Amino acid sequence: MTLIVPLGALLAIGVYQLISGIAEPPAVEITTIGYVDEAGGFDDYTTQGNIELVRFDTPDDATEALVKSDIK
């Protein structure tokens, strides 16, 4: 009897995890990060997995985008 309650709880947790994993796939959130490239030499590899790099020509442009919450 002592083992039935914890095993039942573990079974319930497992079933919940299984159902929630099948029912709704996790949402993919892309993180946008800004950088200032005044020289214009960094154009390749701006997307890596869930991270997207956005180039700005001046620090003022980057600050404006940061204030608007367009970038992190």
C-alpha atoms as a PDB file:
ATOM      1  CA  MET A   1       0.000   0.000   0.000  1.00  0.00           C
ATOM      2  CA  THR A   2       2.896   2.333   0.746  1.00  0.00           C
ATOM      3  CA  LEU A   3       4.251   2.033  -2.801  1.00  0.00           C
ATOM      4  CA  ILE A   4       0.909   2.377  -4.562  1.00  0.00           C
ATOM      5  CA  VAL A   5       0.464   6.112  -3.901  1.00  0.00           C
ATOM      6  CA  PRO A   6       3.926   7.218  -5.162  1.00  0.00           C
ATOM      7  CA  LEU A   7       3.722   4.879  -8.160  1.00  0.00           C
ATOM      8  CA  GLY A   8       0.264   6.197  -9.002  1.00  0.00           C
ATOM      9  CA  ALA A   9       1.556   9.768  -8.786  1.00  0.00           C
ATOM     10  CA  LEU A  10       4.515   8.956 -11.042  1.00  0.00           C
ATOM     11  CA  LEU A  11       2.192   7.256 -13.504  1.00  0.00           C
ATOM     12  CA  ALA A  12      -0.097  10.297 -13.530  1.00  0.00           C
ATOM     13  CA  ILE A  13       2.861  12.631 -14.135  1.00  0.00           C
ATOM     14  CA  GLY A  14       4.102  10.430 -16.972  1.00  0.00           C
ATOM     15  CA  VAL A  15       0.691  10.312 -18.630  1.00  0.00           C
ATOM     16  CA  TYR A  16       0.360  14.106 -18.314  1.00  0.00           C
ATOM     17  CA  GLN A  17       3.789  14.659 -19.895  1.00  0.00           C
ATOM     18  CA  LEU A  18       2.971  12.270 -22.719  1.00  0.00           C
ATOM     19  CA  ILE A  19      -0.384  13.869 -23.493  1.00  0.00           C
ATOM     20  CA  SER A  20       0.893  17.451 -23.280  1.00  0.00           C
ATOM     21  CA  GLY A  21       3.820  16.607 -25.563  1.00  0.00           C
ATOM     22  CA  ILE A  22       1.538  15.122 -28.195  1.00  0.00           C
ATOM     23  CA  ALA A  23      -1.296  17.642 -27.942  1.00  0.00           C
ATOM     24  CA  GLU A  24       0.594  20.902 -28.353  1.00  0.00           C
ATOM     25  CA  PRO A  25       4.093  21.146 -29.788  1.00  0.00           C
ATOM     26  CA  PRO A  26       6.278  23.743 -28.111  1.00  0.00           C
ATOM     27  CA  ALA A  27       6.222  27.153 -29.740  1.00  0.00           C
ATOM     28  CA  VAL A  28       9.489  28.154 -31.369  1.00  0.00           C
ATOM     29  CA  GLU A  29      10.515  31.603 -30.236  1.00  0.00           C
ATOM     30  CA  ILE A  30      13.170  33.388 -32.254  1.00  0.00           C
ATOM     31  CA  THR A  31      15.362  35.711 -30.220  1.00  0.00           C
ATOM     32  CA  THR A  32      16.409  38.816 -32.125  1.00  0.00           C
ATOM     33  CA  ILE A  33      19.723  40.337 -31.078  1.00  0.00           C
ATOM     34  CA  GLY A  34      21.026  43.584 -32.511  1.00  0.00           C
ATOM     35  CA  TYR A  35      24.628  44.566 -33.142  1.00  0.00           C
ATOM     36  CA  VAL A  36      26.359  47.623 -34.562  1.00  0.00           C
ATOM     37  CA  ASP A  37      28.600  46.978 -37.566  1.00  0.00           C
ATOM     38  CA  GLU A  38      29.900  50.336 -38.722  1.00  0.00           C
ATOM     39  CA  ALA A  39      32.576  48.722 -40.897  1.00  0.00           C
ATOM     40  CA  GLY A  40      30.094  46.417 -42.654  1.00  0.00           C
ATOM     41  CA  GLY A  41      32.256  43.325 -42.344  1.00  0.00           C
ATOM     42  CA  PHE A  42      29.907  40.962 -40.530  1.00  0.00           C
ATOM     43  CA  ASP A  43      27.220  39.749 -42.932  1.00  0.00           C
ATOM     44  CA  ASP A  44      27.417  35.958 -42.755  1.00  0.00           C
ATOM     45  CA  TYR A  45      25.825  33.565 -40.282  1.00  0.00           C
ATOM     46  CA  THR A  46      23.196  35.959 -38.979  1.00  0.00           C
ATOM     47  CA  THR A  47      20.771  33.147 -38.168  1.00  0.00           C
ATOM     48  CA  GLN A  48      21.860  30.400 -35.795  1.00  0.00           C
ATOM     49  CA  GLY A  49      19.118  28.125 -34.514  1.00  0.00           C
ATOM     50  CA  ASN A  50      16.580  30.269 -32.652  1.00  0.00           C
ATOM     51  CA  ILE A  51      18.788  33.378 -32.659  1.00  0.00           C
ATOM     52  CA  GLU A  52      18.671  36.010 -35.374  1.00  0.00           C
ATOM     53  CA  LEU A  53      21.286  38.766 -35.497  1.00  0.00           C
ATOM     54  CA  VAL A  54      20.177  42.136 -36.861  1.00  0.00           C
ATOM     55  CA  ARG A  55      22.830  44.573 -38.112  1.00  0.00           C
ATOM     56  CA  PHE A  56      22.639  48.305 -37.449  1.00  0.00           C
ATOM     57  CA  ASP A  57      24.849  50.942 -39.046  1.00  0.00           C
ATOM     58  CA  THR A  58      24.935  53.327 -36.086  1.00  0.00           C
ATOM     59  CA  PRO A  59      24.588  52.999 -32.324  1.00  0.00           C
ATOM     60  CA  ASP A  60      21.634  55.398 -32.462  1.00  0.00           C
ATOM     61  CA  ASP A  61      19.709  53.058 -34.773  1.00  0.00           C
ATOM     62  CA  ALA A  62      20.427  50.138 -32.454  1.00  0.00           C
ATOM     63  CA  THR A  63      19.359  52.137 -29.399  1.00  0.00           C
ATOM     64  CA  GLU A  64      16.110  53.124 -31.100  1.00  0.00           C
ATOM     65  CA  ALA A  65      15.325  49.485 -31.925  1.00  0.00           C
ATOM     66  CA  LEU A  66      16.192  48.469 -28.365  1.00  0.00           C
ATOM     67  CA  VAL A  67      13.848  51.092 -26.913  1.00  0.00           C
ATOM     68  CA  LYS A  68      11.055  49.856 -29.210  1.00  0.00           C
ATOM     69  CA  SER A  69      11.780  46.279 -27.989  1.00  0.00           C
ATOM     70  CA  ASP A  70      12.472  45.133 -31.553  1.00  0.00           C
ATOM     71  CA  ILE A  71      15.749  43.590 -30.387  1.00  0.00           C
ATOM     72  CA  LYS A  72      17.284  42.341 -27.151  1.00  0.00           C
END
